[in-house]
C-alpha atoms as a PDB file:
ATOM      1  CA  PHE A   1     -19.552 -13.844  93.798  1.00  0.00           C
ATOM      2  CA  SER A   2     -16.482 -11.675  93.597  1.00  0.00           C
ATOM      3  CA  LYS A   3     -14.351 -12.594  90.591  1.00  0.00           C
ATOM      4  CA  ASN A   4     -13.150  -9.688  88.400  1.00  0.00           C
ATOM      5  CA  GLY A   5     -15.724  -7.039  89.267  1.00  0.00           C
ATOM      6  CA  GLN A   6     -15.738  -5.083  85.988  1.00  0.00           C
ATOM      7  CA  VAL A   7     -16.124  -8.140  83.734  1.00  0.00           C
ATOM      8  CA  PHE A   8     -18.859  -9.599  85.881  1.00  0.00           C
ATOM      9  CA  PHE A   9     -20.649  -6.228  86.206  1.00  0.00           C
ATOM     10  CA  HIS A  10     -21.117  -6.208  82.422  1.00  0.00           C
ATOM     11  CA  ILE A  11     -22.025  -9.892  82.315  1.00  0.00           C
ATOM     12  CA  PHE A  12     -24.678  -9.548  85.067  1.00  0.00           C
ATOM     13  CA  TRP A  13     -26.040  -6.414  83.355  1.00  0.00           C
ATOM     14  CA  VAL A  14     -26.693  -8.421  80.206  1.00  0.00           C
ATOM     15  CA  VAL A  15     -28.003 -11.305  82.285  1.00  0.00           C
ATOM     16  CA  THR A  16     -30.494  -9.058  84.066  1.00  0.00           C
ATOM     17  CA  LEU A  17     -31.909  -7.883  80.758  1.00  0.00           C
ATOM     18  CA  ILE A  18     -32.321 -11.457  79.598  1.00  0.00           C
ATOM     19  CA  MET A  19     -33.888 -12.498  82.913  1.00  0.00           C
ATOM     20  CA  GLN A  20     -36.437  -9.724  82.689  1.00  0.00           C
ATOM     21  CA  SER A  21     -37.519 -10.096  79.060  1.00  0.00           C
ATOM     22  CA  ARG A  22     -36.379 -13.424  77.536  1.00  0.00           C
ATOM     23  CA  LEU A  23     -36.307 -11.252  74.435  1.00  0.00           C
ATOM     24  CA  THR A  24     -35.471 -13.038  71.234  1.00  0.00           C
ATOM     25  CA  LEU A  25     -35.421 -12.070  67.545  1.00  0.00           C
ATOM     26  CA  MET A  26     -38.965 -13.358  66.979  1.00  0.00           C
ATOM     27  CA  ASP A  27     -40.254 -10.857  69.557  1.00  0.00           C
ATOM     28  CA  LEU A  28     -39.303  -7.872  67.487  1.00  0.00           C
ATOM     29  CA  PRO A  29     -42.131  -6.623  65.157  1.00  0.00           C
ATOM     30  CA  GLU A  30     -39.814  -6.040  62.237  1.00  0.00           C
ATOM     31  CA  PHE A  31     -38.809  -9.688  62.202  1.00  0.00           C
ATOM     32  CA  HIS A  32     -42.312 -11.180  62.638  1.00  0.00           C
ATOM     33  CA  VAL A  33     -42.833 -12.094  59.015  1.00  0.00           C
ATOM     34  CA  LEU A  34     -39.346 -13.596  58.769  1.00  0.00           C
ATOM     35  CA  ALA A  35     -39.844 -15.664  61.936  1.00  0.00           C
ATOM     36  CA  ALA A  36     -43.302 -16.830  60.837  1.00  0.00           C
ATOM     37  CA  ASN A  37     -41.857 -17.975  57.458  1.00  0.00           C
ATOM     38  CA  TRP A  38     -39.149 -19.909  59.271  1.00  0.00           C
ATOM     39  CA  ALA A  39     -41.749 -21.582  61.475  1.00  0.00           C
ATOM     40  CA  GLU A  40     -43.831 -22.541  58.439  1.00  0.00           C
ATOM     41  CA  ASP A  41     -40.710 -23.962  56.728  1.00  0.00           C
ATOM     42  CA  ILE A  42     -39.954 -26.071  59.776  1.00  0.00           C
ATOM     43  CA  TYR A  43     -43.514 -27.322  59.923  1.00  0.00           C
ATOM     44  CA  GLY A  44     -44.053 -27.889  56.251  1.00  0.00           C
ATOM     45  CA  THR A  45     -40.837 -28.390  54.277  1.00  0.00           C
ATOM     46  CA  PHE A  46     -37.926 -29.495  56.517  1.00  0.00           C
ATOM     47  CA  PRO A  47     -36.723 -33.076  55.617  1.00  0.00           C
ATOM     48  CA  ARG A  48     -38.134 -35.801  57.798  1.00  0.00           C
ATOM     49  CA  THR A  49     -36.951 -39.129  59.089  1.00  0.00           C
ATOM     50  CA  THR A  50     -38.976 -42.251  59.511  1.00  0.00           C
ATOM     51  CA  GLU A  51     -41.897 -41.471  61.863  1.00  0.00           C
ATOM     52  CA  GLY A  52     -41.768 -37.871  60.857  1.00  0.00           C
ATOM     53  CA  GLY A  53     -38.843 -36.645  62.901  1.00  0.00           C
ATOM     54  CA  LEU A  54     -36.910 -33.488  61.979  1.00  0.00           C
ATOM     55  CA  GLU A  55     -33.585 -34.421  60.432  1.00  0.00           C
ATOM     56  CA  HIS A  56     -30.677 -32.520  61.937  1.00  0.00           C
ATOM     57  CA  PHE A  57     -28.521 -30.291  59.666  1.00  0.00           C
ATOM     58  CA  THR A  58     -24.995 -29.145  60.506  1.00  0.00           C
ATOM     59  CA  THR A  59     -22.706 -26.613  58.861  1.00  0.00           C
ATOM     60  CA  GLY A  60     -20.592 -27.823  56.055  1.00  0.00           C
ATOM     61  CA  ASP A  61     -17.041 -26.924  55.082  1.00  0.00           C
ATOM     62  CA  ASP A  62     -17.969 -23.194  55.308  1.00  0.00           C
ATOM     63  CA  LYS A  63     -20.749 -21.246  57.026  1.00  0.00           C
ATOM     64  CA  LEU A  64     -22.712 -21.003  53.741  1.00  0.00           C
ATOM     65  CA  SER A  65     -23.071 -24.733  53.266  1.00  0.00           C
ATOM     66  CA  LEU A  66     -25.038 -27.352  55.091  1.00  0.00           C
ATOM     67  CA  ASN A  67     -24.708 -31.083  55.693  1.00  0.00           C
ATOM     68  CA  ARG A  68     -27.842 -33.176  55.861  1.00  0.00           C
ATOM     69  CA  ASN A  69     -27.672 -35.977  58.377  1.00  0.00           C
ATOM     70  CA  HIS A  70     -30.008 -38.384  56.586  1.00  0.00           C
ATOM     71  CA  GLN A  71     -32.481 -40.277  58.772  1.00  0.00           C
ATOM     72  CA  GLN A  72     -30.850 -38.970  61.982  1.00  0.00           C
ATOM     73  CA  LEU A  73     -32.344 -37.431  65.087  1.00  0.00           C
ATOM     74  CA  TRP A  74     -30.032 -35.363  67.241  1.00  0.00           C
ATOM     75  CA  ALA A  75     -30.592 -33.954  70.731  1.00  0.00           C
ATOM     76  CA  ASP A  76     -29.422 -30.542  69.353  1.00  0.00           C
ATOM     77  CA  THR A  77     -32.650 -30.205  67.365  1.00  0.00           C
ATOM     78  CA  VAL A  78     -34.779 -30.087  70.495  1.00  0.00           C
ATOM     79  CA  PHE A  79     -33.032 -26.902  71.588  1.00  0.00           C
ATOM     80  CA  MET A  80     -32.165 -25.228  68.276  1.00  0.00           C
ATOM     81  CA  THR A  81     -35.308 -25.838  66.247  1.00  0.00           C
ATOM     82  CA  ASN A  82     -38.136 -27.157  68.366  1.00  0.00           C
ATOM     83  CA  LEU A  83     -38.161 -24.403  71.065  1.00  0.00           C
ATOM     84  CA  PHE A  84     -38.424 -21.825  68.308  1.00  0.00           C
ATOM     85  CA  LEU A  85     -41.362 -23.649  66.732  1.00  0.00           C
ATOM     86  CA  ALA A  86     -43.056 -23.910  70.142  1.00  0.00           C
ATOM     87  CA  LYS A  87     -42.630 -20.242  70.879  1.00  0.00           C
ATOM     88  CA  MET A  88     -43.915 -19.229  67.476  1.00  0.00           C
ATOM     89  CA  ALA A  89     -46.946 -21.450  68.064  1.00  0.00           C
ATOM     90  CA  ARG A  90     -47.738 -19.631  71.314  1.00  0.00           C
ATOM     91  CA  MET A  91     -47.080 -16.185  69.859  1.00  0.00           C
ATOM     92  CA  ASN A  92     -49.303 -16.780  66.885  1.00  0.00           C
ATOM     93  CA  ASN A  93     -51.913 -19.121  68.466  1.00  0.00           C
ATOM     94  CA  HIS A  94     -51.010 -21.675  65.783  1.00  0.00           C
ATOM     95  CA  GLU A  95     -52.295 -24.997  67.081  1.00  0.00           C
ATOM     96  CA  GLU A  96     -50.664 -27.060  64.296  1.00  0.00           C
ATOM     97  CA  TRP A  97     -47.231 -25.701  65.036  1.00  0.00           C
ATOM     98  CA  GLY A  98     -47.674 -26.371  68.716  1.00  0.00           C
ATOM     99  CA  GLU A  99     -48.842 -29.958  68.087  1.00  0.00           C
ATOM    100  CA  GLU A 100     -45.868 -30.561  65.819  1.00  0.00           C
ATOM    101  CA  ALA A 101     -43.430 -29.220  68.393  1.00  0.00           C
ATOM    102  CA  THR A 102     -44.859 -31.517  71.038  1.00  0.00           C
ATOM    103  CA  TYR A 103     -44.658 -34.497  68.757  1.00  0.00           C
ATOM    104  CA  GLN A 104     -41.021 -33.771  67.867  1.00  0.00           C
ATOM    105  CA  LEU A 105     -40.037 -33.487  71.554  1.00  0.00           C
ATOM    106  CA  LEU A 106     -41.737 -36.750  72.424  1.00  0.00           C
ATOM    107  CA  LEU A 107     -40.237 -38.506  69.377  1.00  0.00           C
ATOM    108  CA  HIS A 108     -36.729 -37.359  70.308  1.00  0.00           C
ATOM    109  CA  ILE A 109     -37.209 -38.584  73.879  1.00  0.00           C
ATOM    110  CA  LYS A 110     -38.482 -41.927  72.561  1.00  0.00           C
ATOM    111  CA  TYR A 111     -35.278 -42.592  70.606  1.00  0.00           C
ATOM    112  CA  LEU A 112     -32.580 -40.747  72.543  1.00  0.00           C
ATOM    113  CA  LEU A 113     -33.469 -41.571  76.140  1.00  0.00           C
ATOM    114  CA  ASP A 114     -31.573 -44.454  77.679  1.00  0.00           C
ATOM    115  CA  ASN A 115     -33.890 -46.018  80.259  1.00  0.00           C
ATOM    116  CA  LYS A 116     -31.074 -47.649  82.212  1.00  0.00           C
ATOM    117  CA  THR A 117     -29.134 -44.460  83.017  1.00  0.00           C
ATOM    118  CA  MET A 118     -31.897 -41.823  82.333  1.00  0.00           C
ATOM    119  CA  LEU A 119     -29.410 -39.957  80.177  1.00  0.00           C
ATOM    120  CA  PHE A 120     -29.702 -39.056  76.523  1.00  0.00           C
ATOM    121  CA  SER A 121     -27.675 -40.292  73.576  1.00  0.00           C
ATOM    122  CA  HIS A 122     -26.388 -37.676  71.125  1.00  0.00           C
ATOM    123  CA  GLY A 123     -28.486 -39.090  68.315  1.00  0.00           C
ATOM    124  CA  TRP A 124     -30.358 -41.907  66.602  1.00  0.00           C
ATOM    125  CA  ASP A 125     -30.026 -43.383  63.120  1.00  0.00           C
ATOM    126  CA  PHE A 126     -33.159 -44.860  61.661  1.00  0.00           C
ATOM    127  CA  ASP A 127     -31.304 -46.656  58.876  1.00  0.00           C
ATOM    128  CA  LYS A 128     -28.936 -48.436  61.325  1.00  0.00           C
ATOM    129  CA  ARG A 129     -31.469 -48.595  64.136  1.00  0.00           C
ATOM    130  CA  ASP A 130     -28.835 -47.555  66.712  1.00  0.00           C
ATOM    131  CA  ASN A 131     -27.685 -44.660  68.882  1.00  0.00           C
ATOM    132  CA  PHE A 132     -24.152 -44.328  67.537  1.00  0.00           C
ATOM    133  CA  GLY A 133     -22.581 -46.239  70.451  1.00  0.00           C
ATOM    134  CA  ASN A 134     -24.929 -44.644  72.975  1.00  0.00           C
ATOM    135  CA  THR A 135     -22.445 -41.999  74.076  1.00  0.00           C
ATOM    136  CA  PHE A 136     -23.760 -39.654  76.795  1.00  0.00           C
ATOM    137  CA  TRP A 137     -22.352 -36.396  75.563  1.00  0.00           C
ATOM    138  CA  CYS A 138     -22.480 -33.512  78.063  1.00  0.00           C
ATOM    139  CA  ARG A 139     -23.679 -30.754  75.731  1.00  0.00           C
ATOM    140  CA  GLY A 140     -26.201 -33.038  74.155  1.00  0.00           C
ATOM    141  CA  ASN A 141     -27.631 -33.757  77.515  1.00  0.00           C
ATOM    142  CA  SER A 142     -27.722 -30.084  78.295  1.00  0.00           C
ATOM    143  CA  TRP A 143     -29.904 -29.413  75.319  1.00  0.00           C
ATOM    144  CA  MET A 144     -32.444 -31.683  76.963  1.00  0.00           C
ATOM    145  CA  ALA A 145     -31.875 -30.706  80.559  1.00  0.00           C
ATOM    146  CA  TYR A 146     -32.538 -27.057  79.698  1.00  0.00           C
ATOM    147  CA  GLY A 147     -34.755 -27.664  76.663  1.00  0.00           C
ATOM    148  CA  ILE A 148     -37.501 -29.671  78.491  1.00  0.00           C
ATOM    149  CA  PRO A 149     -38.197 -27.098  81.239  1.00  0.00           C
ATOM    150  CA  LEU A 150     -38.058 -24.247  78.654  1.00  0.00           C
ATOM    151  CA  TYR A 151     -40.573 -26.178  76.550  1.00  0.00           C
ATOM    152  CA  LEU A 152     -42.826 -26.595  79.583  1.00  0.00           C
ATOM    153  CA  GLU A 153     -42.515 -22.881  80.336  1.00  0.00           C
ATOM    154  CA  ILE A 154     -43.336 -21.886  76.722  1.00  0.00           C
ATOM    155  CA  MET A 155     -46.301 -24.257  76.453  1.00  0.00           C
ATOM    156  CA  GLN A 156     -47.645 -23.661  79.911  1.00  0.00           C
ATOM    157  CA  GLY A 157     -51.420 -24.180  79.948  1.00  0.00           C
ATOM    158  CA  LYS A 158     -51.437 -25.629  76.370  1.00  0.00           C
ATOM    159  CA  LEU A 159     -50.219 -29.197  77.056  1.00  0.00           C
ATOM    160  CA  PRO A 160     -52.433 -32.091  78.217  1.00  0.00           C
ATOM    161  CA  ASP A 161     -51.769 -32.844  81.852  1.00  0.00           C
ATOM    162  CA  ALA A 162     -50.489 -36.340  80.883  1.00  0.00           C
ATOM    163  CA  VAL A 163     -47.893 -34.855  78.538  1.00  0.00           C
ATOM    164  CA  SER A 164     -46.723 -32.277  81.092  1.00  0.00           C
ATOM    165  CA  ARG A 165     -46.452 -34.972  83.792  1.00  0.00           C
ATOM    166  CA  TYR A 166     -44.492 -37.262  81.510  1.00  0.00           C
ATOM    167  CA  LEU A 167     -42.018 -34.514  80.550  1.00  0.00           C
ATOM    168  CA  ILE A 168     -41.480 -33.488  84.176  1.00  0.00           C
ATOM    169  CA  GLU A 169     -40.753 -37.127  85.139  1.00  0.00           C
ATOM    170  CA  VAL A 170     -38.226 -37.460  82.267  1.00  0.00           C
ATOM    171  CA  TYR A 171     -36.607 -34.135  83.271  1.00  0.00           C
ATOM    172  CA  GLN A 172     -36.397 -35.021  86.984  1.00  0.00           C
ATOM    173  CA  ASN A 173     -34.928 -38.429  86.272  1.00  0.00           C
ATOM    174  CA  GLN A 174     -32.313 -36.882  84.013  1.00  0.00           C
ATOM    175  CA  ILE A 175     -31.287 -34.145  86.459  1.00  0.00           C
ATOM    176  CA  GLN A 176     -30.938 -36.748  89.241  1.00  0.00           C
ATOM    177  CA  ALA A 177     -28.676 -38.868  87.029  1.00  0.00           C
ATOM    178  CA  LEU A 178     -26.625 -35.856  86.004  1.00  0.00           C
ATOM    179  CA  PHE A 179     -25.959 -34.766  89.511  1.00  0.00           C
ATOM    180  CA  SER A 180     -24.683 -38.284  90.351  1.00  0.00           C
ATOM    181  CA  LEU A 181     -22.058 -37.831  87.682  1.00  0.00           C
ATOM    182  CA  GLN A 182     -20.629 -34.436  88.627  1.00  0.00           C
ATOM    183  CA  SER A 183     -16.843 -33.961  88.436  1.00  0.00           C
ATOM    184  CA  THR A 184     -14.874 -33.105  91.559  1.00  0.00           C
ATOM    185  CA  ASP A 185     -15.337 -29.407  90.833  1.00  0.00           C
ATOM    186  CA  HIS A 186     -19.103 -29.783  90.539  1.00  0.00           C
ATOM    187  CA  LEU A 187     -19.269 -29.499  86.760  1.00  0.00           C
ATOM    188  CA  TRP A 188     -19.510 -32.287  84.138  1.00  0.00           C
ATOM    189  CA  HIS A 189     -17.206 -34.272  81.866  1.00  0.00           C
ATOM    190  CA  THR A 190     -17.722 -33.999  78.140  1.00  0.00           C
ATOM    191  CA  VAL A 191     -18.464 -37.760  78.165  1.00  0.00           C
ATOM    192  CA  LEU A 192     -20.671 -37.738  81.224  1.00  0.00           C
ATOM    193  CA  ASP A 193     -19.769 -41.245  82.497  1.00  0.00           C
ATOM    194  CA  ASP A 194     -16.089 -41.068  81.660  1.00  0.00           C
ATOM    195  CA  SER A 195     -14.076 -39.264  84.311  1.00  0.00           C
ATOM    196  CA  GLU A 196     -11.018 -39.374  82.103  1.00  0.00           C
ATOM    197  CA  SER A 197     -12.711 -37.024  79.585  1.00  0.00           C
ATOM    198  CA  TYR A 198     -12.195 -33.295  80.135  1.00  0.00           C
ATOM    199  CA  VAL A 199     -14.594 -31.100  82.113  1.00  0.00           C
ATOM    200  CA  GLU A 200     -16.615 -29.135  79.568  1.00  0.00           C
ATOM    201  CA  SER A 201     -18.080 -25.706  80.293  1.00  0.00           C
ATOM    202  CA  SER A 202     -20.897 -25.168  77.779  1.00  0.00           C
ATOM    203  CA  GLY A 203     -22.654 -28.416  78.558  1.00  0.00           C
ATOM    204  CA  SER A 204     -22.163 -27.786  82.282  1.00  0.00           C
ATOM    205  CA  ALA A 205     -23.700 -24.320  81.797  1.00  0.00           C
ATOM    206  CA  GLY A 206     -26.747 -25.747  80.059  1.00  0.00           C
ATOM    207  CA  ILE A 207     -27.291 -28.303  82.815  1.00  0.00           C
ATOM    208  CA  ILE A 208     -26.939 -25.581  85.459  1.00  0.00           C
ATOM    209  CA  ALA A 209     -29.428 -23.363  83.564  1.00  0.00           C
ATOM    210  CA  GLY A 210     -31.954 -26.195  83.305  1.00  0.00           C
ATOM    211  CA  THR A 211     -31.531 -27.009  86.980  1.00  0.00           C
ATOM    212  CA  PHE A 212     -32.212 -23.460  88.196  1.00  0.00           C
ATOM    213  CA  LEU A 213     -35.104 -23.076  85.793  1.00  0.00           C
ATOM    214  CA  GLY A 214     -36.651 -26.281  87.167  1.00  0.00           C
ATOM    215  CA  LEU A 215     -36.172 -25.045  90.699  1.00  0.00           C
ATOM    216  CA  HIS A 216     -37.711 -21.712  89.866  1.00  0.00           C
ATOM    217  CA  MET A 217     -40.698 -23.434  88.149  1.00  0.00           C
ATOM    218  CA  GLY A 218     -41.202 -25.753  91.168  1.00  0.00           C
ATOM    219  CA  ILE A 219     -40.811 -28.901  89.129  1.00  0.00           C
ATOM    220  CA  LEU A 220     -37.494 -29.905  90.767  1.00  0.00           C
ATOM    221  CA  PRO A 221     -37.061 -30.714  94.485  1.00  0.00           C
ATOM    222  CA  LYS A 222     -35.234 -28.035  96.479  1.00  0.00           C
ATOM    223  CA  GLU A 223     -32.662 -30.597  97.486  1.00  0.00           C
ATOM    224  CA  PHE A 224     -30.804 -29.852  94.277  1.00  0.00           C
ATOM    225  CA  THR A 225     -30.281 -26.165  95.290  1.00  0.00           C
ATOM    226  CA  GLY A 226     -27.053 -26.607  97.175  1.00  0.00           C
ATOM    227  CA  ASN A 227     -25.313 -28.622  94.471  1.00  0.00           C
ATOM    228  CA  ALA A 228     -26.529 -26.274  91.827  1.00  0.00           C
ATOM    229  CA  GLN A 229     -25.117 -23.270  93.747  1.00  0.00           C
ATOM    230  CA  GLN A 230     -21.710 -24.987  94.001  1.00  0.00           C
ATOM    231  CA  SER A 231     -21.880 -25.625  90.210  1.00  0.00           C
ATOM    232  CA  ILE A 232     -22.588 -21.995  89.346  1.00  0.00           C
ATOM    233  CA  ARG A 233     -19.597 -20.901  91.413  1.00  0.00           C
ATOM    234  CA  SER A 234     -17.383 -23.394  89.556  1.00  0.00           C
ATOM    235  CA  LEU A 235     -18.767 -22.150  86.249  1.00  0.00           C
ATOM    236  CA  MET A 236     -17.769 -18.572  87.163  1.00  0.00           C
ATOM    237  CA  GLY A 237     -14.274 -19.878  87.560  1.00  0.00           C
ATOM    238  CA  LYS A 238     -14.301 -20.795  83.857  1.00  0.00           C
ATOM    239  CA  VAL A 239     -14.794 -17.117  82.772  1.00  0.00           C
ATOM    240  CA  ASP A 240     -11.490 -15.384  82.201  1.00  0.00           C
ATOM    241  CA  ASP A 241     -10.590 -11.747  82.775  1.00  0.00           C
ATOM    242  CA  ARG A 242     -11.886 -10.818  79.283  1.00  0.00           C
ATOM    243  CA  GLY A 243     -15.260 -12.395  79.894  1.00  0.00           C
ATOM    244  CA  ILE A 244     -14.424 -15.398  77.640  1.00  0.00           C
ATOM    245  CA  VAL A 245     -15.810 -18.790  78.780  1.00  0.00           C
ATOM    246  CA  THR A 246     -12.935 -21.326  78.717  1.00  0.00           C
ATOM    247  CA  ASP A 247     -12.921 -25.070  78.275  1.00  0.00           C
ATOM    248  CA  VAL A 248     -15.687 -25.146  75.705  1.00  0.00           C
ATOM    249  CA  SER A 249     -15.646 -28.019  73.194  1.00  0.00           C
ATOM    250  CA  ALA A 250     -15.774 -26.925  69.587  1.00  0.00           C
ATOM    251  CA  GLY A 251     -18.390 -28.139  67.100  1.00  0.00           C
ATOM    252  CA  THR A 252     -18.896 -31.801  67.725  1.00  0.00           C
ATOM    253  CA  PRO A 253     -20.020 -34.204  64.996  1.00  0.00           C
ATOM    254  CA  ILE A 254     -21.915 -37.272  66.067  1.00  0.00           C
ATOM    255  CA  SER A 255     -19.805 -40.404  66.361  1.00  0.00           C
ATOM    256  CA  ALA A 256     -20.088 -44.059  67.420  1.00  0.00           C
ATOM    257  CA  ASN A 257     -16.563 -43.786  68.960  1.00  0.00           C
ATOM    258  CA  ARG A 258     -16.615 -42.338  72.439  1.00  0.00           C
ATOM    259  CA  GLU A 259     -12.940 -41.359  72.113  1.00  0.00           C
ATOM    260  CA  THR A 260     -13.892 -38.885  69.344  1.00  0.00           C
ATOM    261  CA  TYR A 261     -15.761 -36.763  71.907  1.00  0.00           C
ATOM    262  CA  LYS A 262     -12.750 -36.753  74.251  1.00  0.00           C
ATOM    263  CA  HIS A 263     -10.484 -35.276  71.566  1.00  0.00           C
ATOM    264  CA  ILE A 264     -12.591 -32.435  70.304  1.00  0.00           C
ATOM    265  CA  ARG A 265     -10.649 -29.209  70.622  1.00  0.00           C
ATOM    266  CA  LYS A 266     -11.517 -26.652  73.326  1.00  0.00           C
ATOM    267  CA  LEU A 267     -12.088 -23.124  71.856  1.00  0.00           C
ATOM    268  CA  PRO A 268     -14.013 -19.975  72.623  1.00  0.00           C
ATOM    269  CA  MET A 269     -17.377 -20.563  71.071  1.00  0.00           C
ATOM    270  CA  VAL A 270     -20.504 -18.362  70.940  1.00  0.00           C
ATOM    271  CA  TYR A 271     -22.682 -21.121  72.361  1.00  0.00           C
ATOM    272  CA  GLY A 272     -20.329 -21.354  75.322  1.00  0.00           C
ATOM    273  CA  GLN A 273     -20.886 -17.621  76.010  1.00  0.00           C
ATOM    274  CA  ALA A 274     -24.606 -17.930  75.468  1.00  0.00           C
ATOM    275  CA  LEU A 275     -25.205 -21.015  77.690  1.00  0.00           C
ATOM    276  CA  THR A 276     -23.106 -19.461  80.445  1.00  0.00           C
ATOM    277  CA  ILE A 277     -25.176 -16.286  80.313  1.00  0.00           C
ATOM    278  CA  CYS A 278     -28.316 -18.443  80.474  1.00  0.00           C
ATOM    279  CA  ALA A 279     -26.976 -20.246  83.518  1.00  0.00           C
ATOM    280  CA  PHE A 280     -26.311 -16.919  85.272  1.00  0.00           C
ATOM    281  CA  ALA A 281     -29.759 -15.618  84.213  1.00  0.00           C
ATOM    282  CA  GLU A 282     -31.589 -18.652  85.552  1.00  0.00           C
ATOM    283  CA  TYR A 283     -29.586 -18.515  88.802  1.00  0.00           C
ATOM    284  CA  LEU A 284     -30.504 -14.880  89.317  1.00  0.00           C
ATOM    285  CA  ASN A 285     -34.148 -15.462  88.430  1.00  0.00           C
ATOM    286  CA  PHE A 286     -34.348 -18.342  90.923  1.00  0.00           C
ATOM    287  CA  SER A 287     -32.458 -16.385  93.668  1.00  0.00           C
ATOM    288  CA  HIS A 288     -34.759 -13.359  93.174  1.00  0.00           C
ATOM    289  CA  SER A 289     -37.862 -15.501  93.516  1.00  0.00           C
ATOM    290  CA  GLU A 290     -36.551 -17.199  96.655  1.00  0.00           C
ATOM    291  CA  LYS A 291     -36.071 -13.818  98.296  1.00  0.00           C
ATOM    292  CA  HIS A 292     -39.670 -12.947  97.702  1.00  0.00           C
ATOM    293  CA  VAL A 293     -41.294 -16.182  98.978  1.00  0.00           C
END
């Protein structure tokens, strides 16, 4: 890759650190008590839906307020909350946290997975008993495409074989469906099955990250390698000369109207930066492992 050497030198330096350590806040000793308290809050006090699912909260009118999405499951929760709970379970040898994290992942798959397309809806409403129009949102699918292999990596050796096998099958089916819906530039539209919706960078980055992680773990056939490499090249083209990832959709509320997703503004967003760094990290990790086979 040869775009803007100075910018990409700094990006790949950061990526290398991530690749080597997967360091997160919960790994730092000074934050252990705080992280453990958060995990216990998730396990014991977070509001639940029917069947005990974690309700998804979003920011309110300002960053200090929250909106509760009553009786709703969102794909976002799998990545933003459940991976944290799983990692804390492993770090602290806390069996109850681990069991809860596994249950939450399986419950979200139960209600968000569309068995016809093998893609995921953005959310599920227990009161209305529907998927809000069953829109296949790119970033929502990326939370699952990256979140499932990350979960398998975190919980390696701790899951029953049947659960691991089931999650791998769900993941493989989704990746196959996603690569059948790529845009002409090897990325993905913000509404995956609507080619008139814009190509969106953050969701594309999450899908790419999940693909390379699956390839590295050996749970995805190598036949996806070529397409994934084309995708990472296209993603690099979305990084401008300042290192800002372009064409990232802003915060996206759940909606039963597909058109709503198509009109979300595109802005520089921290999750766009983060998912792109993750995509580069997983690509480098996979490439490094391939050189040493």
